[in-house]
C-alpha cells in the first residue's frame, strides 16, 4: 500500500471510530497482527519439523539399503 492509501484509511477510521476509540483499536490490531505472526511462525516450524522427520526416514531407509547391499557383496 502506498502512503496515500494508508492516509485515506486512517482518516476513514478516525471518522468512523472517533479519537477516543482509535488508540484502543490500534492496540487490538497490533495484538492481532502479533498473534497472527506467532501462529504463522509456529506453523512454519511444525512444517519444517515434519520435513526433517521425512528426510530422516528417507536417509535411514537409504542407509539400510546400502548396508544390505554391502553385506551381499562378496569380500575380495
PDB file of N, CA and C in Angstrom:
ATOM      1  N   UNK A   1       0.832  -1.173   0.000  1.00  0.00           N
ATOM      2  CA  UNK A   1       0.000   0.000   0.000  1.00  0.00           C
ATOM      3  C   UNK A   1       0.877   1.237   0.000  1.00  0.00           C
ATOM      4  N   UNK A   2       0.402   2.240  -0.679  1.00  0.00           N
ATOM      5  CA  UNK A   2       1.149   3.489  -0.711  1.00  0.00           C
ATOM      6  C   UNK A   2       0.789   4.332   0.514  1.00  0.00           C
ATOM      7  N   UNK A   3       1.553   5.362   0.740  1.00  0.00           N
ATOM      8  CA  UNK A   3       1.292   6.213   1.894  1.00  0.00           C
ATOM      9  C   UNK A   3      -0.036   6.968   1.744  1.00  0.00           C
ATOM     10  N   UNK A   4      -0.426   7.276   0.509  1.00  0.00           N
ATOM     11  CA  UNK A   4      -1.708   7.930   0.290  1.00  0.00           C
ATOM     12  C   UNK A   4      -2.880   7.054   0.689  1.00  0.00           C
ATOM     13  N   UNK A   5      -2.779   5.750   0.350  1.00  0.00           N
ATOM     14  CA  UNK A   5      -3.838   4.811   0.717  1.00  0.00           C
ATOM     15  C   UNK A   5      -3.924   4.660   2.231  1.00  0.00           C
ATOM     16  N   UNK A   6      -2.769   4.595   2.886  1.00  0.00           N
ATOM     17  CA  UNK A   6      -2.763   4.486   4.341  1.00  0.00           C
ATOM     18  C   UNK A   6      -3.364   5.725   4.986  1.00  0.00           C
ATOM     19  N   UNK A   7      -3.093   6.892   4.430  1.00  0.00           N
ATOM     20  CA  UNK A   7      -3.654   8.124   4.958  1.00  0.00           C
ATOM     21  C   UNK A   7      -5.174   8.133   4.825  1.00  0.00           C
ATOM     22  N   UNK A   8      -5.685   7.686   3.690  1.00  0.00           N
ATOM     23  CA  UNK A   8      -7.143   7.616   3.496  1.00  0.00           C
ATOM     24  C   UNK A   8      -7.756   6.645   4.490  1.00  0.00           C
ATOM     25  N   UNK A   9      -7.140   5.497   4.696  1.00  0.00           N
ATOM     26  CA  UNK A   9      -7.649   4.508   5.654  1.00  0.00           C
ATOM     27  C   UNK A   9      -7.650   5.096   7.055  1.00  0.00           C
ATOM     28  N   UNK A  10      -6.579   5.803   7.421  1.00  0.00           N
ATOM     29  CA  UNK A  10      -6.501   6.412   8.744  1.00  0.00           C
ATOM     30  C   UNK A  10      -7.598   7.457   8.927  1.00  0.00           C
ATOM     31  N   UNK A  11      -7.837   8.289   7.924  1.00  0.00           N
ATOM     32  CA  UNK A  11      -8.870   9.328   8.025  1.00  0.00           C
ATOM     33  C   UNK A  11     -10.253   8.694   8.156  1.00  0.00           C
ATOM     34  N   UNK A  12     -10.537   7.658   7.369  1.00  0.00           N
ATOM     35  CA  UNK A  12     -11.834   6.978   7.465  1.00  0.00           C
ATOM     36  C   UNK A  12     -11.989   6.333   8.837  1.00  0.00           C
ATOM     37  N   UNK A  13     -10.945   5.684   9.331  1.00  0.00           N
ATOM     38  CA  UNK A  13     -11.001   5.060  10.660  1.00  0.00           C
ATOM     39  C   UNK A  13     -11.210   6.119  11.734  1.00  0.00           C
ATOM     40  N   UNK A  14     -10.554   7.262  11.598  1.00  0.00           N
ATOM     41  CA  UNK A  14     -10.704   8.355  12.557  1.00  0.00           C
ATOM     42  C   UNK A  14     -12.143   8.863  12.580  1.00  0.00           C
ATOM     43  N   UNK A  15     -12.750   8.965  11.408  1.00  0.00           N
ATOM     44  CA  UNK A  15     -14.130   9.448  11.321  1.00  0.00           C
ATOM     45  C   UNK A  15     -15.099   8.399  11.867  1.00  0.00           C
ATOM     46  N   UNK A  16     -14.898   7.149  11.507  1.00  0.00           N
ATOM     47  CA  UNK A  16     -15.826   6.082  11.909  1.00  0.00           C
ATOM     48  C   UNK A  16     -15.729   5.791  13.402  1.00  0.00           C
ATOM     49  N   UNK A  17     -14.515   5.624  13.924  1.00  0.00           N
ATOM     50  CA  UNK A  17     -14.337   5.199  15.310  1.00  0.00           C
ATOM     51  C   UNK A  17     -14.146   6.353  16.282  1.00  0.00           C
ATOM     52  N   UNK A  18     -13.723   7.486  15.807  1.00  0.00           N
ATOM     53  CA  UNK A  18     -13.533   8.637  16.679  1.00  0.00           C
ATOM     54  C   UNK A  18     -12.177   8.601  17.355  1.00  0.00           C
ATOM     55  N   UNK A  19     -11.777   9.734  17.902  1.00  0.00           N
ATOM     56  CA  UNK A  19     -10.437   9.819  18.505  1.00  0.00           C
ATOM     57  C   UNK A  19     -10.297   9.039  19.803  1.00  0.00           C
ATOM     58  N   UNK A  20     -11.395   8.748  20.488  1.00  0.00           N
ATOM     59  CA  UNK A  20     -11.295   8.039  21.773  1.00  0.00           C
ATOM     60  C   UNK A  20     -11.094   6.539  21.576  1.00  0.00           C
ATOM     61  N   UNK A  21     -11.710   5.966  20.558  1.00  0.00           N
ATOM     62  CA  UNK A  21     -11.616   4.512  20.345  1.00  0.00           C
ATOM     63  C   UNK A  21     -10.462   4.127  19.424  1.00  0.00           C
ATOM     64  N   UNK A  22      -9.905   5.074  18.717  1.00  0.00           N
ATOM     65  CA  UNK A  22      -8.854   4.752  17.754  1.00  0.00           C
ATOM     66  C   UNK A  22      -7.600   4.162  18.408  1.00  0.00           C
ATOM     67  N   UNK A  23      -7.108   4.699  19.547  1.00  0.00           N
ATOM     68  CA  UNK A  23      -5.936   4.067  20.185  1.00  0.00           C
ATOM     69  C   UNK A  23      -6.212   2.628  20.633  1.00  0.00           C
ATOM     70  N   UNK A  24      -7.426   2.392  21.169  1.00  0.00           N
ATOM     71  CA  UNK A  24      -7.788   1.037  21.586  1.00  0.00           C
ATOM     72  C   UNK A  24      -7.829   0.107  20.375  1.00  0.00           C
ATOM     73  N   UNK A  25      -8.380   0.599  19.283  1.00  0.00           N
ATOM     74  CA  UNK A  25      -8.462  -0.191  18.057  1.00  0.00           C
ATOM     75  C   UNK A  25      -7.057  -0.524  17.541  1.00  0.00           C
ATOM     76  N   UNK A  26      -6.170   0.460  17.580  1.00  0.00           N
ATOM     77  CA  UNK A  26      -4.801   0.238  17.123  1.00  0.00           C
ATOM     78  C   UNK A  26      -4.091  -0.791  18.002  1.00  0.00           C
ATOM     79  N   UNK A  27      -4.333  -0.724  19.313  1.00  0.00           N
ATOM     80  CA  UNK A  27      -3.724  -1.697  20.231  1.00  0.00           C
ATOM     81  C   UNK A  27      -4.209  -3.102  19.927  1.00  0.00           C
ATOM     82  N   UNK A  28      -5.501  -3.260  19.758  1.00  0.00           N
ATOM     83  CA  UNK A  28      -6.066  -4.577  19.454  1.00  0.00           C
ATOM     84  C   UNK A  28      -5.593  -5.084  18.087  1.00  0.00           C
ATOM     85  N   UNK A  29      -5.492  -4.188  17.143  1.00  0.00           N
ATOM     86  CA  UNK A  29      -5.000  -4.581  15.824  1.00  0.00           C
ATOM     87  C   UNK A  29      -3.538  -5.034  15.907  1.00  0.00           C
ATOM     88  N   UNK A  30      -2.752  -4.328  16.698  1.00  0.00           N
ATOM     89  CA  UNK A  30      -1.353  -4.726  16.894  1.00  0.00           C
ATOM     90  C   UNK A  30      -1.233  -6.096  17.538  1.00  0.00           C
ATOM     91  N   UNK A  31      -2.069  -6.353  18.547  1.00  0.00           N
ATOM     92  CA  UNK A  31      -2.062  -7.670  19.201  1.00  0.00           C
ATOM     93  C   UNK A  31      -2.496  -8.761  18.235  1.00  0.00           C
ATOM     94  N   UNK A  32      -3.477  -8.452  17.390  1.00  0.00           N
ATOM     95  CA  UNK A  32      -3.946  -9.418  16.398  1.00  0.00           C
ATOM     96  C   UNK A  32      -2.839  -9.752  15.402  1.00  0.00           C
ATOM     97  N   UNK A  33      -2.139  -8.747  14.937  1.00  0.00           N
ATOM     98  CA  UNK A  33      -1.040  -8.974  13.990  1.00  0.00           C
ATOM     99  C   UNK A  33       0.075  -9.774  14.664  1.00  0.00           C
ATOM    100  N   UNK A  34       0.380  -9.453  15.925  1.00  0.00           N
ATOM    101  CA  UNK A  34       1.416 -10.186  16.664  1.00  0.00           C
ATOM    102  C   UNK A  34       1.037 -11.660  16.821  1.00  0.00           C
ATOM    103  N   UNK A  35      -0.216 -11.915  17.191  1.00  0.00           N
ATOM    104  CA  UNK A  35      -0.685 -13.292  17.354  1.00  0.00           C
ATOM    105  C   UNK A  35      -0.649 -14.038  16.024  1.00  0.00           C
ATOM    106  N   UNK A  36      -1.072 -13.372  14.961  1.00  0.00           N
ATOM    107  CA  UNK A  36      -1.046 -13.989  13.638  1.00  0.00           C
ATOM    108  C   UNK A  36       0.383 -14.354  13.237  1.00  0.00           C
ATOM    109  N   UNK A  37       1.332 -13.462  13.476  1.00  0.00           N
ATOM    110  CA  UNK A  37       2.727 -13.737  13.132  1.00  0.00           C
ATOM    111  C   UNK A  37       3.284 -14.899  13.955  1.00  0.00           C
ATOM    112  N   UNK A  38       2.903 -14.975  15.242  1.00  0.00           N
ATOM    113  CA  UNK A  38       3.346 -16.091  16.074  1.00  0.00           C
ATOM    114  C   UNK A  38       2.785 -17.411  15.553  1.00  0.00           C
ATOM    115  N   UNK A  39       1.511 -17.423  15.197  1.00  0.00           N
ATOM    116  CA  UNK A  39       0.899 -18.641  14.664  1.00  0.00           C
ATOM    117  C   UNK A  39       1.540 -19.035  13.335  1.00  0.00           C
ATOM    118  N   UNK A  40       1.834 -18.049  12.511  1.00  0.00           N
ATOM    119  CA  UNK A  40       2.477 -18.317  11.232  1.00  0.00           C
ATOM    120  C   UNK A  40       3.867 -18.923  11.450  1.00  0.00           C
ATOM    121  N   UNK A  41       4.603 -18.395  12.426  1.00  0.00           N
ATOM    122  CA  UNK A  41       5.938 -18.921  12.710  1.00  0.00           C
ATOM    123  C   UNK A  41       5.856 -20.342  13.275  1.00  0.00           C
ATOM    124  N   UNK A  42       4.870 -20.597  14.143  1.00  0.00           N
ATOM    125  CA  UNK A  42       4.698 -21.941  14.690  1.00  0.00           C
ATOM    126  C   UNK A  42       4.339 -22.937  13.595  1.00  0.00           C
ATOM    127  N   UNK A  43       3.484 -22.528  12.671  1.00  0.00           N
ATOM    128  CA  UNK A  43       3.112 -23.413  11.564  1.00  0.00           C
ATOM    129  C   UNK A  43       4.324 -23.699  10.683  1.00  0.00           C
ATOM    130  N   UNK A  44       5.149 -22.699  10.432  1.00  0.00           N
ATOM    131  CA  UNK A  44       6.348 -22.904   9.622  1.00  0.00           C
ATOM    132  C   UNK A  44       7.325 -23.843  10.327  1.00  0.00           C
ATOM    133  N   UNK A  45       7.469 -23.689  11.637  1.00  0.00           N
ATOM    134  CA  UNK A  45       8.361 -24.575  12.392  1.00  0.00           C
ATOM    135  C   UNK A  45       7.837 -26.009  12.381  1.00  0.00           C
ATOM    136  N   UNK A  46       6.519 -26.184  12.539  1.00  0.00           N
ATOM    137  CA  UNK A  46       5.929 -27.519  12.506  1.00  0.00           C
ATOM    138  C   UNK A  46       6.139 -28.155  11.137  1.00  0.00           C
ATOM    139  N   UNK A  47       5.935 -27.381  10.087  1.00  0.00           N
ATOM    140  CA  UNK A  47       6.135 -27.856   8.720  1.00  0.00           C
ATOM    141  C   UNK A  47       7.587 -28.285   8.519  1.00  0.00           C
ATOM    142  N   UNK A  48       8.530 -27.483   9.004  1.00  0.00           N
ATOM    143  CA  UNK A  48       9.942 -27.810   8.861  1.00  0.00           C
ATOM    144  C   UNK A  48      10.294 -29.072   9.649  1.00  0.00           C
ATOM    145  N   UNK A  49       9.710 -29.234  10.840  1.00  0.00           N
ATOM    146  CA  UNK A  49       9.950 -30.445  11.629  1.00  0.00           C
ATOM    147  C   UNK A  49       9.442 -31.680  10.897  1.00  0.00           C
ATOM    148  N   UNK A  50       8.270 -31.569  10.271  1.00  0.00           N
ATOM    149  CA  UNK A  50       7.733 -32.691   9.515  1.00  0.00           C
ATOM    150  C   UNK A  50       8.624 -33.033   8.326  1.00  0.00           C
ATOM    151  N   UNK A  51       9.099 -32.005   7.634  1.00  0.00           N
ATOM    152  CA  UNK A  51      10.010 -32.249   6.509  1.00  0.00           C
ATOM    153  C   UNK A  51      11.308 -32.892   6.977  1.00  0.00           C
ATOM    154  N   UNK A  52      11.827 -32.439   8.099  1.00  0.00           N
ATOM    155  CA  UNK A  52      13.055 -33.022   8.645  1.00  0.00           C
ATOM    156  C   UNK A  52      12.843 -34.490   9.035  1.00  0.00           C
ATOM    157  N   UNK A  53      11.684 -34.784   9.620  1.00  0.00           N
ATOM    158  CA  UNK A  53      11.390 -36.163  10.009  1.00  0.00           C
ATOM    159  C   UNK A  53      11.293 -37.055   8.764  1.00  0.00           C
ATOM    160  N   UNK A  54      10.648 -36.562   7.721  1.00  0.00           N
ATOM    161  CA  UNK A  54      10.548 -37.342   6.484  1.00  0.00           C
ATOM    162  C   UNK A  54      11.926 -37.545   5.851  1.00  0.00           C
ATOM    163  N   UNK A  55      12.761 -36.515   5.873  1.00  0.00           N
ATOM    164  CA  UNK A  55      14.109 -36.627   5.323  1.00  0.00           C
ATOM    165  C   UNK A  55      14.934 -37.631   6.127  1.00  0.00           C
ATOM    166  N   UNK A  56      14.775 -37.622   7.451  1.00  0.00           N
ATOM    167  CA  UNK A  56      15.491 -38.578   8.295  1.00  0.00           C
ATOM    168  C   UNK A  56      15.060 -40.008   7.971  1.00  0.00           C
ATOM    169  N   UNK A  57      13.754 -40.220   7.814  1.00  0.00           N
ATOM    170  CA  UNK A  57      13.264 -41.554   7.466  1.00  0.00           C
ATOM    171  C   UNK A  57      13.823 -42.005   6.116  1.00  0.00           C
ATOM    172  N   UNK A  58      13.854 -41.096   5.157  1.00  0.00           N
ATOM    173  CA  UNK A  58      14.389 -41.429   3.837  1.00  0.00           C
ATOM    174  C   UNK A  58      15.873 -41.763   3.917  1.00  0.00           C
ATOM    175  N   UNK A  59      16.616 -40.988   4.685  1.00  0.00           N
ATOM    176  CA  UNK A  59      18.049 -41.257   4.833  1.00  0.00           C
ATOM    177  C   UNK A  59      18.297 -42.582   5.545  1.00  0.00           C
ATOM    178  N   UNK A  60      17.474 -42.896   6.549  1.00  0.00           N
ATOM    179  CA  UNK A  60      17.624 -44.169   7.246  1.00  0.00           C
ATOM    180  C   UNK A  60      17.311 -45.333   6.315  1.00  0.00           C
ATOM    181  N   UNK A  61      16.298 -45.175   5.470  1.00  0.00           N
ATOM    182  CA  UNK A  61      15.952 -46.223   4.504  1.00  0.00           C
ATOM    183  C   UNK A  61      17.099 -46.437   3.522  1.00  0.00           C
ATOM    184  N   UNK A  62      17.663 -45.346   3.025  1.00  0.00           N
ATOM    185  CA  UNK A  62      18.780 -45.458   2.081  1.00  0.00           C
ATOM    186  C   UNK A  62      20.003 -46.086   2.741  1.00  0.00           C
ATOM    187  N   UNK A  63      20.256 -45.732   3.996  1.00  0.00           N
ATOM    188  CA  UNK A  63      21.395 -46.311   4.708  1.00  0.00           C
ATOM    189  C   UNK A  63      21.196 -47.807   4.920  1.00  0.00           C
ATOM    190  N   UNK A  64      19.970 -48.210   5.237  1.00  0.00           N
ATOM    191  CA  UNK A  64      19.675 -49.629   5.430  1.00  0.00           C
ATOM    192  C   UNK A  64      19.857 -50.393   4.117  1.00  0.00           C
ATOM    193  N   UNK A  65      19.380 -49.815   3.007  1.00  0.00           N
ATOM    194  CA  UNK A  65      19.550 -50.453   1.702  1.00  0.00           C
ATOM    195  C   UNK A  65      21.030 -50.569   1.342  1.00  0.00           C
ATOM    196  N   UNK A  66      21.798 -49.535   1.612  1.00  0.00           N
ATOM    197  CA  UNK A  66      23.233 -49.568   1.315  1.00  0.00           C
ATOM    198  C   UNK A  66      23.928 -50.616   2.181  1.00  0.00           C
ATOM    199  N   UNK A  67      23.517 -50.715   3.441  1.00  0.00           N
ATOM    200  CA  UNK A  67      24.109 -51.702   4.341  1.00  0.00           C
ATOM    201  C   UNK A  67      23.789 -53.119   3.865  1.00  0.00           C
ATOM    202  N   UNK A  68      22.548 -53.344   3.445  1.00  0.00           N
ATOM    203  CA  UNK A  68      22.175 -54.663   2.946  1.00  0.00           C
ATOM    204  C   UNK A  68      22.927 -54.990   1.655  1.00  0.00           C
ATOM    205  N   UNK A  69      23.093 -54.023   0.792  1.00  0.00           N
ATOM    206  CA  UNK A  69      23.832 -54.224  -0.453  1.00  0.00           C
ATOM    207  C   UNK A  69      25.298 -54.539  -0.153  1.00  0.00           C
ATOM    208  N   UNK A  70      25.854 -53.839   0.821  1.00  0.00           N
ATOM    209  CA  UNK A  70      27.250 -54.069   1.202  1.00  0.00           C
ATOM    210  C   UNK A  70      27.435 -55.476   1.757  1.00  0.00           C
ATOM    211  N   UNK A  71      26.454 -55.944   2.556  1.00  0.00           N
ATOM    212  CA  UNK A  71      26.549 -57.283   3.131  1.00  0.00           C
ATOM    213  C   UNK A  71      26.420 -58.365   2.072  1.00  0.00           C
ATOM    214  N   UNK A  72      25.713 -58.114   0.975  1.00  0.00           N
ATOM    215  CA  UNK A  72      25.522 -59.093  -0.094  1.00  0.00           C
ATOM    216  C   UNK A  72      26.738 -59.231  -0.979  1.00  0.00           C
ATOM    217  N   UNK A  73      27.528 -58.161  -1.091  1.00  0.00           N
ATOM    218  CA  UNK A  73      28.693 -58.195  -1.979  1.00  0.00           C
ATOM    219  C   UNK A  73      29.779 -59.088  -1.371  1.00  0.00           C
ATOM    220  N   UNK A  74      30.392 -59.936  -2.195  1.00  0.00           N
ATOM    221  CA  UNK A  74      31.465 -60.803  -1.668  1.00  0.00           C
ATOM    222  C   UNK A  74      32.723 -59.959  -1.333  1.00  0.00           C
ATOM    223  N   UNK A  75      33.410 -60.381  -0.323  1.00  0.00           N
ATOM    224  CA  UNK A  75      34.659 -59.704   0.054  1.00  0.00           C
ATOM    225  C   UNK A  75      35.780 -60.129  -0.891  1.00  0.00           C
ATOM    226  N   UNK A  76      36.690 -59.237  -1.240  1.00  0.00           N
ATOM    227  CA  UNK A  76      37.802 -59.602  -2.160  1.00  0.00           C
ATOM    228  C   UNK A  76      38.837 -60.482  -1.529  1.00  0.00           C
TER     229      UNK A  76
END
